[in-house]
Amino acid sequence: MEEVTPEELQDMQASDDPVIIDVLPNKYFRKRHIPGAINIEMGDIELVSEFVDEDRAIVVYCMDEQCGLSPQAAEKLESLGYTSVFDLPSGIDGWEDAGMRTVTST
């Protein structure tokens, strides 16, 4: 697992089209998330195998640097055979702090 900054993730979005996964409970995802992200809660992270190839880049994030969900999700994905897994350790808070746009779901 590699760590990425918000700026590096933005660059990845422009060139690699990674799968971005918010591992927080759905109520937090609905309030705000990174554009293009999908919500798979940590307890269900193995479901990613139903629709993402093992060689596709995956970026996981949670709330902030104190939240331990995204590193756990990244480790689980690697144990499932995913070879290009990234963690955004600053989470959604760091994304916003870097001036990046978030979106809401209804």
PDB file of N, CA and C in Angstrom:
ATOM      1  N   MET A   1       0.841  -1.172   0.000  1.00  0.00           N
ATOM      2  CA  MET A   1       0.000   0.000   0.000  1.00  0.00           C
ATOM      3  C   MET A   1       0.887   1.237   0.000  1.00  0.00           C
ATOM      4  N   GLU A   2       0.529   2.144  -0.843  1.00  0.00           N
ATOM      5  CA  GLU A   2       1.211   3.434  -0.872  1.00  0.00           C
ATOM      6  C   GLU A   2       0.248   4.498  -0.364  1.00  0.00           C
ATOM      7  N   GLU A   3       0.814   5.540   0.208  1.00  0.00           N
ATOM      8  CA  GLU A   3      -0.001   6.670   0.635  1.00  0.00           C
ATOM      9  C   GLU A   3       0.049   7.754  -0.435  1.00  0.00           C
ATOM     10  N   VAL A   4      -1.055   8.471  -0.593  1.00  0.00           N
ATOM     11  CA  VAL A   4      -1.127   9.575  -1.541  1.00  0.00           C
ATOM     12  C   VAL A   4      -1.652  10.813  -0.836  1.00  0.00           C
ATOM     13  N   THR A   5      -1.266  11.957  -1.355  1.00  0.00           N
ATOM     14  CA  THR A   5      -1.779  13.234  -0.874  1.00  0.00           C
ATOM     15  C   THR A   5      -3.011  13.597  -1.704  1.00  0.00           C
ATOM     16  N   PRO A   6      -3.786  14.577  -1.257  1.00  0.00           N
ATOM     17  CA  PRO A   6      -4.910  15.016  -2.074  1.00  0.00           C
ATOM     18  C   PRO A   6      -4.473  15.446  -3.487  1.00  0.00           C
ATOM     19  N   GLU A   7      -3.351  16.126  -3.573  1.00  0.00           N
ATOM     20  CA  GLU A   7      -2.871  16.587  -4.885  1.00  0.00           C
ATOM     21  C   GLU A   7      -2.494  15.404  -5.780  1.00  0.00           C
ATOM     22  N   GLU A   8      -1.860  14.393  -5.189  1.00  0.00           N
ATOM     23  CA  GLU A   8      -1.496  13.205  -5.970  1.00  0.00           C
ATOM     24  C   GLU A   8      -2.742  12.450  -6.427  1.00  0.00           C
ATOM     25  N   LEU A   9      -3.753  12.386  -5.570  1.00  0.00           N
ATOM     26  CA  LEU A   9      -4.999  11.741  -5.967  1.00  0.00           C
ATOM     27  C   LEU A   9      -5.658  12.497  -7.098  1.00  0.00           C
ATOM     28  N   GLN A  10      -5.635  13.807  -7.033  1.00  0.00           N
ATOM     29  CA  GLN A  10      -6.215  14.607  -8.117  1.00  0.00           C
ATOM     30  C   GLN A  10      -5.486  14.325  -9.433  1.00  0.00           C
ATOM     31  N   ASP A  11      -4.167  14.215  -9.387  1.00  0.00           N
ATOM     32  CA  ASP A  11      -3.399  13.866 -10.584  1.00  0.00           C
ATOM     33  C   ASP A  11      -3.770  12.473 -11.088  1.00  0.00           C
ATOM     34  N   MET A  12      -3.941  11.525 -10.166  1.00  0.00           N
ATOM     35  CA  MET A  12      -4.344  10.169 -10.547  1.00  0.00           C
ATOM     36  C   MET A  12      -5.700  10.178 -11.242  1.00  0.00           C
ATOM     37  N   GLN A  13      -6.617  10.974 -10.720  1.00  0.00           N
ATOM     38  CA  GLN A  13      -7.943  11.053 -11.317  1.00  0.00           C
ATOM     39  C   GLN A  13      -7.867  11.528 -12.762  1.00  0.00           C
ATOM     40  N   ALA A  14      -6.928  12.422 -13.030  1.00  0.00           N
ATOM     41  CA  ALA A  14      -6.803  12.981 -14.366  1.00  0.00           C
ATOM     42  C   ALA A  14      -6.166  11.995 -15.343  1.00  0.00           C
ATOM     43  N   SER A  15      -5.350  11.071 -14.841  1.00  0.00           N
ATOM     44  CA  SER A  15      -4.616  10.210 -15.766  1.00  0.00           C
ATOM     45  C   SER A  15      -4.943   8.722 -15.660  1.00  0.00           C
ATOM     46  N   ASP A  16      -5.170   8.201 -14.457  1.00  0.00           N
ATOM     47  CA  ASP A  16      -5.301   6.758 -14.279  1.00  0.00           C
ATOM     48  C   ASP A  16      -6.726   6.258 -14.098  1.00  0.00           C
ATOM     49  N   ASP A  17      -7.657   7.125 -13.766  1.00  0.00           N
ATOM     50  CA  ASP A  17      -9.035   6.746 -13.489  1.00  0.00           C
ATOM     51  C   ASP A  17      -9.120   5.664 -12.410  1.00  0.00           C
ATOM     52  N   PRO A  18      -8.605   5.949 -11.212  1.00  0.00           N
ATOM     53  CA  PRO A  18      -8.662   4.945 -10.143  1.00  0.00           C
ATOM     54  C   PRO A  18     -10.075   4.785  -9.597  1.00  0.00           C
ATOM     55  N   VAL A  19     -10.322   3.664  -8.961  1.00  0.00           N
ATOM     56  CA  VAL A  19     -11.551   3.472  -8.205  1.00  0.00           C
ATOM     57  C   VAL A  19     -11.300   4.102  -6.837  1.00  0.00           C
ATOM     58  N   ILE A  20     -12.110   5.063  -6.462  1.00  0.00           N
ATOM     59  CA  ILE A  20     -11.961   5.757  -5.181  1.00  0.00           C
ATOM     60  C   ILE A  20     -13.056   5.263  -4.259  1.00  0.00           C
ATOM     61  N   ILE A  21     -12.635   4.728  -3.100  1.00  0.00           N
ATOM     62  CA  ILE A  21     -13.587   4.119  -2.181  1.00  0.00           C
ATOM     63  C   ILE A  21     -13.562   4.830  -0.834  1.00  0.00           C
ATOM     64  N   ASP A  22     -14.718   5.349  -0.457  1.00  0.00           N
ATOM     65  CA  ASP A  22     -14.934   5.923   0.868  1.00  0.00           C
ATOM     66  C   ASP A  22     -15.373   4.766   1.754  1.00  0.00           C
ATOM     67  N   VAL A  23     -14.591   4.455   2.797  1.00  0.00           N
ATOM     68  CA  VAL A  23     -14.904   3.301   3.649  1.00  0.00           C
ATOM     69  C   VAL A  23     -15.676   3.681   4.914  1.00  0.00           C
ATOM     70  N   LEU A  24     -16.108   4.912   5.000  1.00  0.00           N
ATOM     71  CA  LEU A  24     -16.886   5.370   6.150  1.00  0.00           C
ATOM     72  C   LEU A  24     -18.325   4.871   6.071  1.00  0.00           C
ATOM     73  N   PRO A  25     -19.040   4.864   7.192  1.00  0.00           N
ATOM     74  CA  PRO A  25     -20.465   4.530   7.140  1.00  0.00           C
ATOM     75  C   PRO A  25     -21.201   5.445   6.162  1.00  0.00           C
ATOM     76  N   ASN A  26     -22.230   4.899   5.549  1.00  0.00           N
ATOM     77  CA  ASN A  26     -22.957   5.598   4.491  1.00  0.00           C
ATOM     78  C   ASN A  26     -23.462   6.975   4.896  1.00  0.00           C
ATOM     79  N   LYS A  27     -23.835   7.176   6.161  1.00  0.00           N
ATOM     80  CA  LYS A  27     -24.359   8.483   6.573  1.00  0.00           C
ATOM     81  C   LYS A  27     -23.311   9.580   6.383  1.00  0.00           C
ATOM     82  N   TYR A  28     -22.032   9.261   6.545  1.00  0.00           N
ATOM     83  CA  TYR A  28     -20.967  10.245   6.323  1.00  0.00           C
ATOM     84  C   TYR A  28     -20.730  10.461   4.837  1.00  0.00           C
ATOM     85  N   PHE A  29     -20.788   9.381   4.076  1.00  0.00           N
ATOM     86  CA  PHE A  29     -20.621   9.466   2.618  1.00  0.00           C
ATOM     87  C   PHE A  29     -21.682  10.373   2.019  1.00  0.00           C
ATOM     88  N   ARG A  30     -22.930  10.223   2.472  1.00  0.00           N
ATOM     89  CA  ARG A  30     -24.014  11.050   1.927  1.00  0.00           C
ATOM     90  C   ARG A  30     -23.795  12.527   2.201  1.00  0.00           C
ATOM     91  N   LYS A  31     -23.167  12.858   3.340  1.00  0.00           N
ATOM     92  CA  LYS A  31     -22.944  14.267   3.684  1.00  0.00           C
ATOM     93  C   LYS A  31     -21.883  14.912   2.808  1.00  0.00           C
ATOM     94  N   ARG A  32     -20.804  14.165   2.525  1.00  0.00           N
ATOM     95  CA  ARG A  32     -19.742  14.700   1.670  1.00  0.00           C
ATOM     96  C   ARG A  32     -18.792  13.578   1.291  1.00  0.00           C
ATOM     97  N   HIS A  33     -18.367  13.627   0.037  1.00  0.00           N
ATOM     98  CA  HIS A  33     -17.381  12.665  -0.435  1.00  0.00           C
ATOM     99  C   HIS A  33     -16.636  13.233  -1.636  1.00  0.00           C
ATOM    100  N   ILE A  34     -15.556  12.583  -1.978  1.00  0.00           N
ATOM    101  CA  ILE A  34     -14.751  12.990  -3.127  1.00  0.00           C
ATOM    102  C   ILE A  34     -15.550  12.698  -4.392  1.00  0.00           C
ATOM    103  N   PRO A  35     -15.601  13.637  -5.338  1.00  0.00           N
ATOM    104  CA  PRO A  35     -16.334  13.385  -6.582  1.00  0.00           C
ATOM    105  C   PRO A  35     -15.847  12.099  -7.251  1.00  0.00           C
ATOM    106  N   GLY A  36     -16.800  11.284  -7.649  1.00  0.00           N
ATOM    107  CA  GLY A  36     -16.479  10.020  -8.311  1.00  0.00           C
ATOM    108  C   GLY A  36     -16.270   8.855  -7.364  1.00  0.00           C
ATOM    109  N   ALA A  37     -16.241   9.123  -6.059  1.00  0.00           N
ATOM    110  CA  ALA A  37     -16.026   8.048  -5.086  1.00  0.00           C
ATOM    111  C   ALA A  37     -17.277   7.182  -4.957  1.00  0.00           C
ATOM    112  N   ILE A  38     -17.037   5.933  -4.570  1.00  0.00           N
ATOM    113  CA  ILE A  38     -18.122   5.034  -4.221  1.00  0.00           C
ATOM    114  C   ILE A  38     -18.001   4.729  -2.733  1.00  0.00           C
ATOM    115  N   ASN A  39     -19.083   4.281  -2.144  1.00  0.00           N
ATOM    116  CA  ASN A  39     -19.081   3.981  -0.716  1.00  0.00           C
ATOM    117  C   ASN A  39     -19.179   2.479  -0.503  1.00  0.00           C
ATOM    118  N   ILE A  40     -18.111   1.926   0.056  1.00  0.00           N
ATOM    119  CA  ILE A  40     -18.132   0.538   0.517  1.00  0.00           C
ATOM    120  C   ILE A  40     -17.605   0.581   1.945  1.00  0.00           C
ATOM    121  N   GLU A  41     -18.483   0.366   2.887  1.00  0.00           N
ATOM    122  CA  GLU A  41     -18.071   0.442   4.285  1.00  0.00           C
ATOM    123  C   GLU A  41     -17.014  -0.611   4.581  1.00  0.00           C
ATOM    124  N   MET A  42     -16.163  -0.315   5.550  1.00  0.00           N
ATOM    125  CA  MET A  42     -15.036  -1.183   5.872  1.00  0.00           C
ATOM    126  C   MET A  42     -15.460  -2.637   6.046  1.00  0.00           C
ATOM    127  N   GLY A  43     -16.549  -2.883   6.711  1.00  0.00           N
ATOM    128  CA  GLY A  43     -17.004  -4.250   6.945  1.00  0.00           C
ATOM    129  C   GLY A  43     -17.405  -5.001   5.693  1.00  0.00           C
ATOM    130  N   ASP A  44     -17.618  -4.280   4.611  1.00  0.00           N
ATOM    131  CA  ASP A  44     -18.033  -4.890   3.344  1.00  0.00           C
ATOM    132  C   ASP A  44     -16.972  -4.766   2.251  1.00  0.00           C
ATOM    133  N   ILE A  45     -15.745  -4.404   2.614  1.00  0.00           N
ATOM    134  CA  ILE A  45     -14.733  -4.064   1.610  1.00  0.00           C
ATOM    135  C   ILE A  45     -14.460  -5.204   0.632  1.00  0.00           C
ATOM    136  N   GLU A  46     -14.643  -6.446   1.040  1.00  0.00           N
ATOM    137  CA  GLU A  46     -14.392  -7.559   0.121  1.00  0.00           C
ATOM    138  C   GLU A  46     -15.363  -7.573  -1.052  1.00  0.00           C
ATOM    139  N   LEU A  47     -16.483  -6.846  -0.947  1.00  0.00           N
ATOM    140  CA  LEU A  47     -17.436  -6.760  -2.055  1.00  0.00           C
ATOM    141  C   LEU A  47     -16.854  -6.072  -3.282  1.00  0.00           C
ATOM    142  N   VAL A  48     -15.748  -5.355  -3.107  1.00  0.00           N
ATOM    143  CA  VAL A  48     -15.126  -4.676  -4.237  1.00  0.00           C
ATOM    144  C   VAL A  48     -14.758  -5.676  -5.338  1.00  0.00           C
ATOM    145  N   SER A  49     -14.509  -6.916  -4.956  1.00  0.00           N
ATOM    146  CA  SER A  49     -14.116  -7.923  -5.943  1.00  0.00           C
ATOM    147  C   SER A  49     -15.225  -8.222  -6.945  1.00  0.00           C
ATOM    148  N   GLU A  50     -16.448  -7.846  -6.631  1.00  0.00           N
ATOM    149  CA  GLU A  50     -17.568  -8.088  -7.541  1.00  0.00           C
ATOM    150  C   GLU A  50     -17.546  -7.182  -8.766  1.00  0.00           C
ATOM    151  N   PHE A  51     -16.844  -6.047  -8.670  1.00  0.00           N
ATOM    152  CA  PHE A  51     -16.885  -5.122  -9.806  1.00  0.00           C
ATOM    153  C   PHE A  51     -15.572  -4.416 -10.121  1.00  0.00           C
ATOM    154  N   VAL A  52     -14.466  -4.788  -9.470  1.00  0.00           N
ATOM    155  CA  VAL A  52     -13.183  -4.146  -9.749  1.00  0.00           C
ATOM    156  C   VAL A  52     -12.134  -5.221 -10.013  1.00  0.00           C
ATOM    157  N   ASP A  53     -11.453  -5.120 -11.149  1.00  0.00           N
ATOM    158  CA  ASP A  53     -10.373  -6.044 -11.476  1.00  0.00           C
ATOM    159  C   ASP A  53      -9.205  -5.858 -10.519  1.00  0.00           C
ATOM    160  N   GLU A  54      -8.456  -6.936 -10.274  1.00  0.00           N
ATOM    161  CA  GLU A  54      -7.360  -6.907  -9.314  1.00  0.00           C
ATOM    162  C   GLU A  54      -6.214  -5.979  -9.700  1.00  0.00           C
ATOM    163  N   ASP A  55      -6.070  -5.668 -10.997  1.00  0.00           N
ATOM    164  CA  ASP A  55      -4.958  -4.817 -11.417  1.00  0.00           C
ATOM    165  C   ASP A  55      -5.345  -3.340 -11.545  1.00  0.00           C
ATOM    166  N   ARG A  56      -6.580  -3.000 -11.254  1.00  0.00           N
ATOM    167  CA  ARG A  56      -7.016  -1.606 -11.328  1.00  0.00           C
ATOM    168  C   ARG A  56      -6.572  -0.849 -10.081  1.00  0.00           C
ATOM    169  N   ALA A  57      -6.169   0.400 -10.235  1.00  0.00           N
ATOM    170  CA  ALA A  57      -5.765   1.227  -9.096  1.00  0.00           C
ATOM    171  C   ALA A  57      -6.978   1.520  -8.223  1.00  0.00           C
ATOM    172  N   ILE A  58      -6.784   1.351  -6.916  1.00  0.00           N
ATOM    173  CA  ILE A  58      -7.835   1.622  -5.939  1.00  0.00           C
ATOM    174  C   ILE A  58      -7.267   2.568  -4.891  1.00  0.00           C
ATOM    175  N   VAL A  59      -8.025   3.621  -4.595  1.00  0.00           N
ATOM    176  CA  VAL A  59      -7.654   4.554  -3.531  1.00  0.00           C
ATOM    177  C   VAL A  59      -8.747   4.497  -2.474  1.00  0.00           C
ATOM    178  N   VAL A  60      -8.342   4.268  -1.230  1.00  0.00           N
ATOM    179  CA  VAL A  60      -9.299   4.239  -0.117  1.00  0.00           C
ATOM    180  C   VAL A  60      -9.062   5.442   0.790  1.00  0.00           C
ATOM    181  N   TYR A  61     -10.147   5.903   1.409  1.00  0.00           N
ATOM    182  CA  TYR A  61     -10.012   6.995   2.378  1.00  0.00           C
ATOM    183  C   TYR A  61     -11.112   6.889   3.411  1.00  0.00           C
ATOM    184  N   CYS A  62     -10.859   7.548   4.544  1.00  0.00           N
ATOM    185  CA  CYS A  62     -11.874   7.647   5.592  1.00  0.00           C
ATOM    186  C   CYS A  62     -11.958   9.108   6.027  1.00  0.00           C
ATOM    187  N   MET A  63     -12.044   9.394   7.316  1.00  0.00           N
ATOM    188  CA  MET A  63     -12.306  10.756   7.779  1.00  0.00           C
ATOM    189  C   MET A  63     -11.061  11.636   7.820  1.00  0.00           C
ATOM    190  N   ASP A  64     -10.006  11.157   8.514  1.00  0.00           N
ATOM    191  CA  ASP A  64      -8.820  11.977   8.731  1.00  0.00           C
ATOM    192  C   ASP A  64      -7.658  11.068   9.132  1.00  0.00           C
ATOM    193  N   GLU A  65      -6.549  11.664   9.522  1.00  0.00           N
ATOM    194  CA  GLU A  65      -5.369  10.872   9.861  1.00  0.00           C
ATOM    195  C   GLU A  65      -5.554  10.033  11.119  1.00  0.00           C
ATOM    196  N   GLN A  66      -6.482  10.381  11.986  1.00  0.00           N
ATOM    197  CA  GLN A  66      -6.728   9.592  13.191  1.00  0.00           C
ATOM    198  C   GLN A  66      -7.640   8.390  12.925  1.00  0.00           C
ATOM    199  N   CYS A  67      -8.346   8.420  11.833  1.00  0.00           N
ATOM    200  CA  CYS A  67      -9.257   7.333  11.475  1.00  0.00           C
ATOM    201  C   CYS A  67      -8.437   6.167  10.914  1.00  0.00           C
ATOM    202  N   GLY A  68      -8.595   5.011  11.467  1.00  0.00           N
ATOM    203  CA  GLY A  68      -7.810   3.866  11.032  1.00  0.00           C
ATOM    204  C   GLY A  68      -8.490   2.964  10.019  1.00  0.00           C
ATOM    205  N   LEU A  69      -9.652   3.357   9.521  1.00  0.00           N
ATOM    206  CA  LEU A  69     -10.395   2.488   8.612  1.00  0.00           C
ATOM    207  C   LEU A  69      -9.735   2.318   7.248  1.00  0.00           C
ATOM    208  N   SER A  70      -9.221   3.399   6.672  1.00  0.00           N
ATOM    209  CA  SER A  70      -8.666   3.257   5.324  1.00  0.00           C
ATOM    210  C   SER A  70      -7.392   2.410   5.292  1.00  0.00           C
ATOM    211  N   PRO A  71      -6.475   2.523   6.262  1.00  0.00           N
ATOM    212  CA  PRO A  71      -5.331   1.607   6.236  1.00  0.00           C
ATOM    213  C   PRO A  71      -5.766   0.144   6.383  1.00  0.00           C
ATOM    214  N   GLN A  72      -6.779  -0.100   7.202  1.00  0.00           N
ATOM    215  CA  GLN A  72      -7.296  -1.459   7.345  1.00  0.00           C
ATOM    216  C   GLN A  72      -7.882  -1.958   6.029  1.00  0.00           C
ATOM    217  N   ALA A  73      -8.626  -1.087   5.352  1.00  0.00           N
ATOM    218  CA  ALA A  73      -9.226  -1.459   4.073  1.00  0.00           C
ATOM    219  C   ALA A  73      -8.144  -1.748   3.035  1.00  0.00           C
ATOM    220  N   ALA A  74      -7.111  -0.913   3.013  1.00  0.00           N
ATOM    221  CA  ALA A  74      -6.021  -1.122   2.062  1.00  0.00           C
ATOM    222  C   ALA A  74      -5.333  -2.461   2.302  1.00  0.00           C
ATOM    223  N   GLU A  75      -5.072  -2.780   3.554  1.00  0.00           N
ATOM    224  CA  GLU A  75      -4.452  -4.071   3.880  1.00  0.00           C
ATOM    225  C   GLU A  75      -5.345  -5.234   3.463  1.00  0.00           C
ATOM    226  N   LYS A  76      -6.646  -5.110   3.694  1.00  0.00           N
ATOM    227  CA  LYS A  76      -7.581  -6.166   3.310  1.00  0.00           C
ATOM    228  C   LYS A  76      -7.591  -6.336   1.790  1.00  0.00           C
ATOM    229  N   LEU A  77      -7.609  -5.236   1.055  1.00  0.00           N
ATOM    230  CA  LEU A  77      -7.602  -5.321  -0.409  1.00  0.00           C
ATOM    231  C   LEU A  77      -6.333  -5.993  -0.916  1.00  0.00           C
ATOM    232  N   GLU A  78      -5.212  -5.665  -0.314  1.00  0.00           N
ATOM    233  CA  GLU A  78      -3.960  -6.312  -0.718  1.00  0.00           C
ATOM    234  C   GLU A  78      -4.013  -7.807  -0.409  1.00  0.00           C
ATOM    235  N   SER A  79      -4.609  -8.175   0.717  1.00  0.00           N
ATOM    236  CA  SER A  79      -4.712  -9.600   1.055  1.00  0.00           C
ATOM    237  C   SER A  79      -5.650 -10.336   0.092  1.00  0.00           C
ATOM    238  N   LEU A  80      -6.542  -9.606  -0.555  1.00  0.00           N
ATOM    239  CA  LEU A  80      -7.445 -10.191  -1.554  1.00  0.00           C
ATOM    240  C   LEU A  80      -6.800 -10.267  -2.936  1.00  0.00           C
ATOM    241  N   GLY A  81      -5.574  -9.760  -3.065  1.00  0.00           N
ATOM    242  CA  GLY A  81      -4.861  -9.871  -4.329  1.00  0.00           C
ATOM    243  C   GLY A  81      -4.767  -8.599  -5.146  1.00  0.00           C
ATOM    244  N   TYR A  82      -5.279  -7.498  -4.642  1.00  0.00           N
ATOM    245  CA  TYR A  82      -5.172  -6.242  -5.378  1.00  0.00           C
ATOM    246  C   TYR A  82      -3.733  -5.742  -5.311  1.00  0.00           C
ATOM    247  N   THR A  83      -3.219  -5.317  -6.451  1.00  0.00           N
ATOM    248  CA  THR A  83      -1.793  -4.990  -6.553  1.00  0.00           C
ATOM    249  C   THR A  83      -1.504  -3.496  -6.620  1.00  0.00           C
ATOM    250  N   SER A  84      -2.525  -2.682  -6.780  1.00  0.00           N
ATOM    251  CA  SER A  84      -2.324  -1.244  -6.910  1.00  0.00           C
ATOM    252  C   SER A  84      -3.265  -0.517  -5.947  1.00  0.00           C
ATOM    253  N   VAL A  85      -2.929  -0.585  -4.653  1.00  0.00           N
ATOM    254  CA  VAL A  85      -3.789  -0.040  -3.604  1.00  0.00           C
ATOM    255  C   VAL A  85      -3.110   1.170  -2.977  1.00  0.00           C
ATOM    256  N   PHE A  86      -3.880   2.237  -2.841  1.00  0.00           N
ATOM    257  CA  PHE A  86      -3.383   3.484  -2.280  1.00  0.00           C
ATOM    258  C   PHE A  86      -4.300   3.931  -1.146  1.00  0.00           C
ATOM    259  N   ASP A  87      -3.700   4.587  -0.154  1.00  0.00           N
ATOM    260  CA  ASP A  87      -4.456   5.142   0.968  1.00  0.00           C
ATOM    261  C   ASP A  87      -4.275   6.653   0.969  1.00  0.00           C
ATOM    262  N   LEU A  88      -5.374   7.363   1.141  1.00  0.00           N
ATOM    263  CA  LEU A  88      -5.339   8.810   1.337  1.00  0.00           C
ATOM    264  C   LEU A  88      -5.443   9.035   2.844  1.00  0.00           C
ATOM    265  N   PRO A  89      -4.288   9.056   3.556  1.00  0.00           N
ATOM    266  CA  PRO A  89      -4.330   9.085   5.016  1.00  0.00           C
ATOM    267  C   PRO A  89      -4.980  10.327   5.604  1.00  0.00           C
ATOM    268  N   SER A  90      -4.956  11.441   4.886  1.00  0.00           N
ATOM    269  CA  SER A  90      -5.576  12.658   5.410  1.00  0.00           C
ATOM    270  C   SER A  90      -7.095  12.621   5.293  1.00  0.00           C
ATOM    271  N   GLY A  91      -7.616  11.662   4.544  1.00  0.00           N
ATOM    272  CA  GLY A  91      -9.051  11.452   4.435  1.00  0.00           C
ATOM    273  C   GLY A  91      -9.808  12.606   3.801  1.00  0.00           C
ATOM    274  N   ILE A  92     -11.110  12.571   4.002  1.00  0.00           N
ATOM    275  CA  ILE A  92     -11.975  13.601   3.430  1.00  0.00           C
ATOM    276  C   ILE A  92     -11.675  14.964   4.035  1.00  0.00           C
ATOM    277  N   ASP A  93     -11.281  15.001   5.315  1.00  0.00           N
ATOM    278  CA  ASP A  93     -10.924  16.278   5.924  1.00  0.00           C
ATOM    279  C   ASP A  93      -9.709  16.890   5.231  1.00  0.00           C
ATOM    280  N   GLY A  94      -8.690  16.077   4.981  1.00  0.00           N
ATOM    281  CA  GLY A  94      -7.489  16.560   4.297  1.00  0.00           C
ATOM    282  C   GLY A  94      -7.777  16.984   2.871  1.00  0.00           C
ATOM    283  N   TRP A  95      -8.682  16.274   2.226  1.00  0.00           N
ATOM    284  CA  TRP A  95      -9.093  16.617   0.862  1.00  0.00           C
ATOM    285  C   TRP A  95      -9.685  18.031   0.854  1.00  0.00           C
ATOM    286  N   GLU A  96     -10.603  18.286   1.779  1.00  0.00           N
ATOM    287  CA  GLU A  96     -11.212  19.616   1.868  1.00  0.00           C
ATOM    288  C   GLU A  96     -10.195  20.667   2.302  1.00  0.00           C
ATOM    289  N   ASP A  97      -9.336  20.331   3.254  1.00  0.00           N
ATOM    290  CA  ASP A  97      -8.312  21.277   3.718  1.00  0.00           C
ATOM    291  C   ASP A  97      -7.377  21.696   2.585  1.00  0.00           C
ATOM    292  N   ALA A  98      -7.209  20.812   1.601  1.00  0.00           N
ATOM    293  CA  ALA A  98      -6.362  21.125   0.451  1.00  0.00           C
ATOM    294  C   ALA A  98      -7.110  21.949  -0.596  1.00  0.00           C
ATOM    295  N   GLY A  99      -8.358  22.307  -0.294  1.00  0.00           N
ATOM    296  CA  GLY A  99      -9.134  23.140  -1.204  1.00  0.00           C
ATOM    297  C   GLY A  99      -9.853  22.370  -2.297  1.00  0.00           C
ATOM    298  N   MET A 100      -9.945  21.060  -2.135  1.00  0.00           N
ATOM    299  CA  MET A 100     -10.592  20.221  -3.144  1.00  0.00           C
ATOM    300  C   MET A 100     -12.102  20.177  -2.888  1.00  0.00           C
ATOM    301  N   ARG A 101     -12.832  20.037  -3.956  1.00  0.00           N
ATOM    302  CA  ARG A 101     -14.295  20.031  -3.923  1.00  0.00           C
ATOM    303  C   ARG A 101     -14.820  18.689  -3.416  1.00  0.00           C
ATOM    304  N   THR A 102     -15.911  18.727  -2.663  1.00  0.00           N
ATOM    305  CA  THR A 102     -16.630  17.526  -2.266  1.00  0.00           C
ATOM    306  C   THR A 102     -18.053  17.614  -2.811  1.00  0.00           C
ATOM    307  N   VAL A 103     -18.735  16.481  -2.817  1.00  0.00           N
ATOM    308  CA  VAL A 103     -20.115  16.450  -3.260  1.00  0.00           C
ATOM    309  C   VAL A 103     -20.947  15.732  -2.198  1.00  0.00           C
ATOM    310  N   THR A 104     -22.269  15.906  -2.272  1.00  0.00           N
ATOM    311  CA  THR A 104     -23.166  15.241  -1.344  1.00  0.00           C
ATOM    312  C   THR A 104     -24.078  14.301  -2.133  1.00  0.00           C
ATOM    313  N   SER A 105     -24.653  13.358  -1.433  1.00  0.00           N
ATOM    314  CA  SER A 105     -25.640  12.439  -2.015  1.00  0.00           C
ATOM    315  C   SER A 105     -26.933  12.579  -1.236  1.00  0.00           C
ATOM    316  N   THR A 106     -28.020  12.300  -1.881  1.00  0.00           N
ATOM    317  CA  THR A 106     -29.307  12.371  -1.187  1.00  0.00           C
ATOM    318  C   THR A 106     -29.838  10.988  -0.912  1.00  0.00           C
TER     319      THR A 106
END
